[in-house]
Amino acid sequence: MNSTLNRAVIEQLVRTSLSRQAGLVTPVTKEGPNPLIVNSSARHCHLSQEAVETLFGKGYELKPMKMLYQEGQYAAHESVTLIGPRSRVISNLRILGPCRDFNQVELAYTDSISLGFKVPVTNSGNIAGTPGCMLMGPAGFLEMPEGVIRAAPHVHMAPADAAFYGVENKSYLKLRVGGELGVTFDRIFVRVEPAFKLEVHIDTDEANACGLGPDVPCELIK
């Protein structure tokens, strides 16, 4: 085994160990050119730099708290309060960085029910016509006219992974989750970019419904 492979194996073992310590669920399937990671994505928001400054003050920059699996992505120290219809709120809504050029809040179905939202399932970035909300930070309020979504289940992958599974960018795969429940997700949206690592994102409701856990086998199928 060469040194590069040694590093890759060690890196994966460390990520899995840290994820378990943090209470995350990241089952690993070692097929294809890269190991498959399936992660449960808790409610969060993505903000523009302008929005960050509105909520936290002029010139404010997000501070990384924990690096995520995708290269360069992180959970920030900063969080905000979401104010929905009927003044119902979710506090400590985590911001994910780095900043984007649009504002988006991603909720699970149970979140949307508790807030009184009727939130569509859509792919990240497709926010036209979606409901809005109010965000509150320590320095001000941000009114979002749109951008509250339930993120469709999706998979990030590099071109080598796409070739292995025989798919293209913006196509679909199925995710078969084993274990006691044996659930299959039929529409996993495919995102292909050279910098991506092979990772499926489902939300917390979906993860709970299929019994996702560190020892539950998962596989992508056409």
C-alpha atoms as a PDB file:
ATOM      1  CA  MET A   1       0.000   0.000   0.000  1.00  0.00           C
ATOM      2  CA  ASN A   2       1.500   3.324  -1.055  1.00  0.00           C
ATOM      3  CA  SER A   3       1.810   6.410   1.157  1.00  0.00           C
ATOM      4  CA  THR A   4      -0.984   8.276  -0.653  1.00  0.00           C
ATOM      5  CA  LEU A   5      -3.432   5.468  -0.009  1.00  0.00           C
ATOM      6  CA  ASN A   6      -2.262   5.273   3.591  1.00  0.00           C
ATOM      7  CA  ARG A   7      -3.062   8.947   4.054  1.00  0.00           C
ATOM      8  CA  ALA A   8      -6.477   8.538   2.415  1.00  0.00           C
ATOM      9  CA  VAL A   9      -7.403   5.622   4.646  1.00  0.00           C
ATOM     10  CA  ILE A  10      -6.176   7.405   7.770  1.00  0.00           C
ATOM     11  CA  GLU A  11      -8.055  10.572   6.798  1.00  0.00           C
ATOM     12  CA  GLN A  12     -11.287   8.619   6.368  1.00  0.00           C
ATOM     13  CA  LEU A  13     -10.873   6.804   9.683  1.00  0.00           C
ATOM     14  CA  VAL A  14     -10.251  10.089  11.489  1.00  0.00           C
ATOM     15  CA  ARG A  15     -13.351  11.715   9.904  1.00  0.00           C
ATOM     16  CA  THR A  16     -15.526   8.761  10.863  1.00  0.00           C
ATOM     17  CA  SER A  17     -14.205   8.766  14.436  1.00  0.00           C
ATOM     18  CA  LEU A  18     -14.737  12.512  14.849  1.00  0.00           C
ATOM     19  CA  SER A  19     -18.215  12.299  13.350  1.00  0.00           C
ATOM     20  CA  ARG A  20     -19.238   9.622  15.818  1.00  0.00           C
ATOM     21  CA  GLN A  21     -17.865  11.648  18.717  1.00  0.00           C
ATOM     22  CA  ALA A  22     -19.910  14.630  17.529  1.00  0.00           C
ATOM     23  CA  GLY A  23     -23.075  12.532  17.276  1.00  0.00           C
ATOM     24  CA  LEU A  24     -23.201  12.677  13.469  1.00  0.00           C
ATOM     25  CA  VAL A  25     -24.187   9.757  11.277  1.00  0.00           C
ATOM     26  CA  THR A  26     -21.806   9.002   8.420  1.00  0.00           C
ATOM     27  CA  PRO A  27     -22.066   5.409   7.177  1.00  0.00           C
ATOM     28  CA  VAL A  28     -19.304   4.496   4.742  1.00  0.00           C
ATOM     29  CA  THR A  29     -19.577   2.242   1.685  1.00  0.00           C
ATOM     30  CA  LYS A  30     -16.196   1.418   0.136  1.00  0.00           C
ATOM     31  CA  GLU A  31     -17.164   0.812  -3.490  1.00  0.00           C
ATOM     32  CA  GLY A  32     -16.097   2.720  -6.579  1.00  0.00           C
ATOM     33  CA  PRO A  33     -13.152   5.120  -6.781  1.00  0.00           C
ATOM     34  CA  ASN A  34     -14.082   6.839  -3.492  1.00  0.00           C
ATOM     35  CA  PRO A  35     -15.884   5.850  -0.279  1.00  0.00           C
ATOM     36  CA  LEU A  36     -19.542   6.884  -0.074  1.00  0.00           C
ATOM     37  CA  ILE A  37     -20.480   9.079   2.879  1.00  0.00           C
ATOM     38  CA  VAL A  38     -24.135   9.683   3.790  1.00  0.00           C
ATOM     39  CA  ASN A  39     -24.691  12.620   6.125  1.00  0.00           C
ATOM     40  CA  SER A  40     -27.750  13.999   7.852  1.00  0.00           C
ATOM     41  CA  SER A  41     -27.964  17.751   7.263  1.00  0.00           C
ATOM     42  CA  ALA A  42     -29.561  19.659  10.152  1.00  0.00           C
ATOM     43  CA  ARG A  43     -31.443  22.907   9.561  1.00  0.00           C
ATOM     44  CA  HIS A  44     -29.139  25.780   8.652  1.00  0.00           C
ATOM     45  CA  CYS A  45     -28.791  28.870   6.495  1.00  0.00           C
ATOM     46  CA  HIS A  46     -26.477  30.253   3.825  1.00  0.00           C
ATOM     47  CA  LEU A  47     -25.979  34.005   3.719  1.00  0.00           C
ATOM     48  CA  SER A  48     -24.389  36.643   1.517  1.00  0.00           C
ATOM     49  CA  GLN A  49     -21.687  38.897   2.964  1.00  0.00           C
ATOM     50  CA  GLU A  50     -24.149  41.790   2.852  1.00  0.00           C
ATOM     51  CA  ALA A  51     -26.637  39.774   4.914  1.00  0.00           C
ATOM     52  CA  VAL A  52     -23.944  38.852   7.440  1.00  0.00           C
ATOM     53  CA  GLU A  53     -23.106  42.521   7.913  1.00  0.00           C
ATOM     54  CA  THR A  54     -26.786  43.415   8.320  1.00  0.00           C
ATOM     55  CA  LEU A  55     -27.130  40.825  11.084  1.00  0.00           C
ATOM     56  CA  PHE A  56     -23.729  41.142  12.790  1.00  0.00           C
ATOM     57  CA  GLY A  57     -22.379  44.582  11.923  1.00  0.00           C
ATOM     58  CA  LYS A  58     -20.442  46.395   9.219  1.00  0.00           C
ATOM     59  CA  GLY A  59     -17.343  44.519   8.074  1.00  0.00           C
ATOM     60  CA  TYR A  60     -18.187  41.403  10.093  1.00  0.00           C
ATOM     61  CA  GLU A  61     -16.797  38.101   8.787  1.00  0.00           C
ATOM     62  CA  LEU A  62     -17.952  34.592   9.679  1.00  0.00           C
ATOM     63  CA  LYS A  63     -15.678  32.583  11.969  1.00  0.00           C
ATOM     64  CA  PRO A  64     -15.295  28.877  11.137  1.00  0.00           C
ATOM     65  CA  MET A  65     -16.215  26.586  14.032  1.00  0.00           C
ATOM     66  CA  LYS A  66     -16.065  23.159  12.378  1.00  0.00           C
ATOM     67  CA  MET A  67     -14.955  22.113   8.912  1.00  0.00           C
ATOM     68  CA  LEU A  68     -17.462  20.045   6.946  1.00  0.00           C
ATOM     69  CA  TYR A  69     -16.758  17.088   4.678  1.00  0.00           C
ATOM     70  CA  GLN A  70     -16.787  19.107   1.449  1.00  0.00           C
ATOM     71  CA  GLU A  71     -13.548  21.001   0.924  1.00  0.00           C
ATOM     72  CA  GLY A  72     -13.672  24.601   2.148  1.00  0.00           C
ATOM     73  CA  GLN A  73     -17.154  24.329   3.682  1.00  0.00           C
ATOM     74  CA  TYR A  74     -17.670  24.944   7.387  1.00  0.00           C
ATOM     75  CA  ALA A  75     -20.186  25.457  10.160  1.00  0.00           C
ATOM     76  CA  ALA A  76     -19.682  28.950  11.515  1.00  0.00           C
ATOM     77  CA  HIS A  77     -19.601  29.998  15.148  1.00  0.00           C
ATOM     78  CA  GLU A  78     -22.417  32.393  14.314  1.00  0.00           C
ATOM     79  CA  SER A  79     -26.102  31.541  14.438  1.00  0.00           C
ATOM     80  CA  VAL A  80     -29.296  33.552  13.990  1.00  0.00           C
ATOM     81  CA  THR A  81     -32.918  33.447  15.083  1.00  0.00           C
ATOM     82  CA  LEU A  82     -35.523  32.661  12.430  1.00  0.00           C
ATOM     83  CA  ILE A  83     -38.913  34.324  12.829  1.00  0.00           C
ATOM     84  CA  GLY A  84     -41.712  32.634  10.919  1.00  0.00           C
ATOM     85  CA  PRO A  85     -45.445  33.162  10.536  1.00  0.00           C
ATOM     86  CA  ARG A  86     -47.431  33.853  13.703  1.00  0.00           C
ATOM     87  CA  SER A  87     -44.152  34.994  15.323  1.00  0.00           C
ATOM     88  CA  ARG A  88     -42.986  31.407  15.803  1.00  0.00           C
ATOM     89  CA  VAL A  89     -39.210  31.165  16.059  1.00  0.00           C
ATOM     90  CA  ILE A  90     -36.241  28.843  15.733  1.00  0.00           C
ATOM     91  CA  SER A  91     -33.257  30.037  17.730  1.00  0.00           C
ATOM     92  CA  ASN A  92     -29.617  29.149  17.102  1.00  0.00           C
ATOM     93  CA  LEU A  93     -30.048  28.530  13.386  1.00  0.00           C
ATOM     94  CA  ARG A  94     -26.497  27.720  12.329  1.00  0.00           C
ATOM     95  CA  ILE A  95     -24.853  29.619   9.472  1.00  0.00           C
ATOM     96  CA  LEU A  96     -22.766  27.585   7.031  1.00  0.00           C
ATOM     97  CA  GLY A  97     -19.863  29.261   5.275  1.00  0.00           C
ATOM     98  CA  PRO A  98     -18.303  30.590   3.229  1.00  0.00           C
ATOM     99  CA  CYS A  99     -20.729  33.308   2.164  1.00  0.00           C
ATOM    100  CA  ARG A 100     -22.733  32.841  -1.016  1.00  0.00           C
ATOM    101  CA  ASP A 101     -24.299  35.323  -3.423  1.00  0.00           C
ATOM    102  CA  PHE A 102     -27.829  34.554  -2.188  1.00  0.00           C
ATOM    103  CA  ASN A 103     -29.629  33.914   1.100  1.00  0.00           C
ATOM    104  CA  GLN A 104     -31.224  30.551   1.790  1.00  0.00           C
ATOM    105  CA  VAL A 105     -32.673  28.748   4.813  1.00  0.00           C
ATOM    106  CA  GLU A 106     -32.888  24.944   4.748  1.00  0.00           C
ATOM    107  CA  LEU A 107     -35.418  23.273   7.036  1.00  0.00           C
ATOM    108  CA  ALA A 108     -36.741  19.774   7.613  1.00  0.00           C
ATOM    109  CA  TYR A 109     -40.456  19.032   7.247  1.00  0.00           C
ATOM    110  CA  THR A 110     -41.097  19.031  11.006  1.00  0.00           C
ATOM    111  CA  ASP A 111     -39.358  22.431  11.260  1.00  0.00           C
ATOM    112  CA  SER A 112     -41.673  23.875   8.629  1.00  0.00           C
ATOM    113  CA  ILE A 113     -44.758  22.504  10.397  1.00  0.00           C
ATOM    114  CA  SER A 114     -43.745  23.962  13.750  1.00  0.00           C
ATOM    115  CA  LEU A 115     -43.102  27.359  12.148  1.00  0.00           C
ATOM    116  CA  GLY A 116     -46.325  27.411  10.118  1.00  0.00           C
ATOM    117  CA  PHE A 117     -44.518  27.358   6.752  1.00  0.00           C
ATOM    118  CA  LYS A 118     -45.617  25.500   3.645  1.00  0.00           C
ATOM    119  CA  VAL A 119     -42.128  24.894   2.326  1.00  0.00           C
ATOM    120  CA  PRO A 120     -41.414  23.271  -1.060  1.00  0.00           C
ATOM    121  CA  VAL A 121     -38.835  20.560  -1.683  1.00  0.00           C
ATOM    122  CA  THR A 122     -36.337  22.007  -4.148  1.00  0.00           C
ATOM    123  CA  ASN A 123     -32.678  21.947  -5.051  1.00  0.00           C
ATOM    124  CA  SER A 124     -30.349  24.380  -3.334  1.00  0.00           C
ATOM    125  CA  GLY A 125     -30.281  27.695  -5.163  1.00  0.00           C
ATOM    126  CA  ASN A 126     -33.719  27.257  -6.738  1.00  0.00           C
ATOM    127  CA  ILE A 127     -35.442  29.762  -4.479  1.00  0.00           C
ATOM    128  CA  ALA A 128     -37.721  31.653  -6.883  1.00  0.00           C
ATOM    129  CA  GLY A 129     -41.267  31.599  -5.566  1.00  0.00           C
ATOM    130  CA  THR A 130     -40.330  30.070  -2.204  1.00  0.00           C
ATOM    131  CA  PRO A 131     -41.561  31.590   1.074  1.00  0.00           C
ATOM    132  CA  GLY A 132     -39.550  34.169   2.973  1.00  0.00           C
ATOM    133  CA  CYS A 133     -38.860  34.827   6.627  1.00  0.00           C
ATOM    134  CA  MET A 134     -37.200  37.230   9.036  1.00  0.00           C
ATOM    135  CA  LEU A 135     -33.737  36.549  10.487  1.00  0.00           C
ATOM    136  CA  MET A 136     -32.544  38.266  13.649  1.00  0.00           C
ATOM    137  CA  GLY A 137     -28.906  38.733  14.620  1.00  0.00           C
ATOM    138  CA  PRO A 138     -27.140  40.704  17.346  1.00  0.00           C
ATOM    139  CA  ALA A 139     -26.876  43.821  15.164  1.00  0.00           C
ATOM    140  CA  GLY A 140     -30.126  43.831  13.215  1.00  0.00           C
ATOM    141  CA  PHE A 141     -32.877  42.132  11.257  1.00  0.00           C
ATOM    142  CA  LEU A 142     -32.841  40.696   7.746  1.00  0.00           C
ATOM    143  CA  GLU A 143     -36.099  40.344   5.853  1.00  0.00           C
ATOM    144  CA  MET A 144     -35.882  37.555   3.278  1.00  0.00           C
ATOM    145  CA  PRO A 145     -38.674  37.825   0.682  1.00  0.00           C
ATOM    146  CA  GLU A 146     -37.888  34.270  -0.450  1.00  0.00           C
ATOM    147  CA  GLY A 147     -35.377  31.498   0.179  1.00  0.00           C
ATOM    148  CA  VAL A 148     -36.889  29.121   2.747  1.00  0.00           C
ATOM    149  CA  ILE A 149     -36.721  25.573   1.349  1.00  0.00           C
ATOM    150  CA  ARG A 150     -36.628  21.903   2.144  1.00  0.00           C
ATOM    151  CA  ALA A 151     -33.475  20.797   0.343  1.00  0.00           C
ATOM    152  CA  ALA A 152     -34.033  17.865  -2.008  1.00  0.00           C
ATOM    153  CA  PRO A 153     -31.868  14.821  -1.202  1.00  0.00           C
ATOM    154  CA  HIS A 154     -28.706  15.091  -3.275  1.00  0.00           C
ATOM    155  CA  VAL A 155     -25.245  13.666  -3.806  1.00  0.00           C
ATOM    156  CA  HIS A 156     -21.993  15.532  -4.374  1.00  0.00           C
ATOM    157  CA  MET A 157     -19.489  13.713  -6.571  1.00  0.00           C
ATOM    158  CA  ALA A 158     -16.390  14.198  -8.680  1.00  0.00           C
ATOM    159  CA  PRO A 159     -16.268  13.280 -12.393  1.00  0.00           C
ATOM    160  CA  ALA A 160     -14.592   9.928 -11.593  1.00  0.00           C
ATOM    161  CA  ASP A 161     -17.513   9.017  -9.341  1.00  0.00           C
ATOM    162  CA  ALA A 162     -20.016  10.090 -12.004  1.00  0.00           C
ATOM    163  CA  ALA A 163     -18.271   7.868 -14.535  1.00  0.00           C
ATOM    164  CA  PHE A 164     -18.356   4.925 -12.126  1.00  0.00           C
ATOM    165  CA  TYR A 165     -22.091   5.291 -11.459  1.00  0.00           C
ATOM    166  CA  GLY A 166     -22.873   6.146 -15.086  1.00  0.00           C
ATOM    167  CA  VAL A 167     -24.552   9.491 -14.398  1.00  0.00           C
ATOM    168  CA  GLU A 168     -24.221  13.123 -15.403  1.00  0.00           C
ATOM    169  CA  ASN A 169     -24.577  16.398 -13.546  1.00  0.00           C
ATOM    170  CA  LYS A 170     -28.233  17.162 -12.671  1.00  0.00           C
ATOM    171  CA  SER A 171     -29.356  13.571 -13.203  1.00  0.00           C
ATOM    172  CA  TYR A 172     -30.673  11.226 -10.506  1.00  0.00           C
ATOM    173  CA  LEU A 173     -29.577   8.160  -8.583  1.00  0.00           C
ATOM    174  CA  LYS A 174     -31.273   5.998  -5.963  1.00  0.00           C
ATOM    175  CA  LEU A 175     -29.951   5.618  -2.444  1.00  0.00           C
ATOM    176  CA  ARG A 176     -30.575   2.241  -0.847  1.00  0.00           C
ATOM    177  CA  VAL A 177     -30.323   2.354   2.951  1.00  0.00           C
ATOM    178  CA  GLY A 178     -30.052  -1.012   4.691  1.00  0.00           C
ATOM    179  CA  GLY A 179     -30.580  -1.853   8.311  1.00  0.00           C
ATOM    180  CA  GLU A 180     -33.850  -2.736  10.016  1.00  0.00           C
ATOM    181  CA  LEU A 181     -36.018  -0.425   7.891  1.00  0.00           C
ATOM    182  CA  GLY A 182     -34.558  -1.017   4.433  1.00  0.00           C
ATOM    183  CA  VAL A 183     -35.548   2.302   2.802  1.00  0.00           C
ATOM    184  CA  THR A 184     -34.766   3.371  -0.778  1.00  0.00           C
ATOM    185  CA  PHE A 185     -34.772   7.027  -1.846  1.00  0.00           C
ATOM    186  CA  ASP A 186     -35.697   7.153  -5.538  1.00  0.00           C
ATOM    187  CA  ARG A 187     -34.638  10.710  -6.420  1.00  0.00           C
ATOM    188  CA  ILE A 188     -31.155  11.655  -5.272  1.00  0.00           C
ATOM    189  CA  PHE A 189     -30.151  14.707  -7.300  1.00  0.00           C
ATOM    190  CA  VAL A 190     -26.619  14.471  -8.712  1.00  0.00           C
ATOM    191  CA  ARG A 191     -24.180  17.373  -8.434  1.00  0.00           C
ATOM    192  CA  VAL A 192     -20.854  16.871 -10.231  1.00  0.00           C
ATOM    193  CA  GLU A 193     -17.830  19.108  -9.753  1.00  0.00           C
ATOM    194  CA  PRO A 194     -14.106  18.263  -9.763  1.00  0.00           C
ATOM    195  CA  ALA A 195     -13.619  19.495  -6.188  1.00  0.00           C
ATOM    196  CA  PHE A 196     -16.503  17.467  -4.726  1.00  0.00           C
ATOM    197  CA  LYS A 197     -16.085  14.471  -2.441  1.00  0.00           C
ATOM    198  CA  LEU A 198     -18.609  11.652  -2.705  1.00  0.00           C
ATOM    199  CA  GLU A 199     -21.292  12.535  -0.163  1.00  0.00           C
ATOM    200  CA  VAL A 200     -25.070  12.219   0.038  1.00  0.00           C
ATOM    201  CA  HIS A 201     -27.048  14.810   2.013  1.00  0.00           C
ATOM    202  CA  ILE A 202     -30.468  14.013   3.450  1.00  0.00           C
ATOM    203  CA  ASP A 203     -32.227  16.032   6.136  1.00  0.00           C
ATOM    204  CA  THR A 204     -32.817  15.026   9.747  1.00  0.00           C
ATOM    205  CA  ASP A 205     -36.397  13.873   9.162  1.00  0.00           C
ATOM    206  CA  GLU A 206     -35.285  11.641   6.295  1.00  0.00           C
ATOM    207  CA  ALA A 207     -32.367  10.282   8.314  1.00  0.00           C
ATOM    208  CA  ASN A 208     -34.632   9.441  11.261  1.00  0.00           C
ATOM    209  CA  ALA A 209     -37.232   7.836   8.997  1.00  0.00           C
ATOM    210  CA  CYS A 210     -34.709   5.435   7.462  1.00  0.00           C
ATOM    211  CA  GLY A 211     -32.827   4.720  10.696  1.00  0.00           C
ATOM    212  CA  LEU A 212     -29.569   6.146   9.382  1.00  0.00           C
ATOM    213  CA  GLY A 213     -26.589   5.476  11.631  1.00  0.00           C
ATOM    214  CA  PRO A 214     -22.829   4.847  11.525  1.00  0.00           C
ATOM    215  CA  ASP A 215     -23.253   1.090  11.026  1.00  0.00           C
ATOM    216  CA  VAL A 216     -26.132   1.180   8.513  1.00  0.00           C
ATOM    217  CA  PRO A 217     -25.019   0.116   5.006  1.00  0.00           C
ATOM    218  CA  CYS A 218     -25.824   2.502   2.144  1.00  0.00           C
ATOM    219  CA  GLU A 219     -25.331   2.263  -1.610  1.00  0.00           C
ATOM    220  CA  LEU A 220     -26.050   4.351  -4.668  1.00  0.00           C
ATOM    221  CA  ILE A 221     -27.864   2.577  -7.523  1.00  0.00           C
ATOM    222  CA  LYS A 222     -29.264   3.627 -10.899  1.00  0.00           C
END
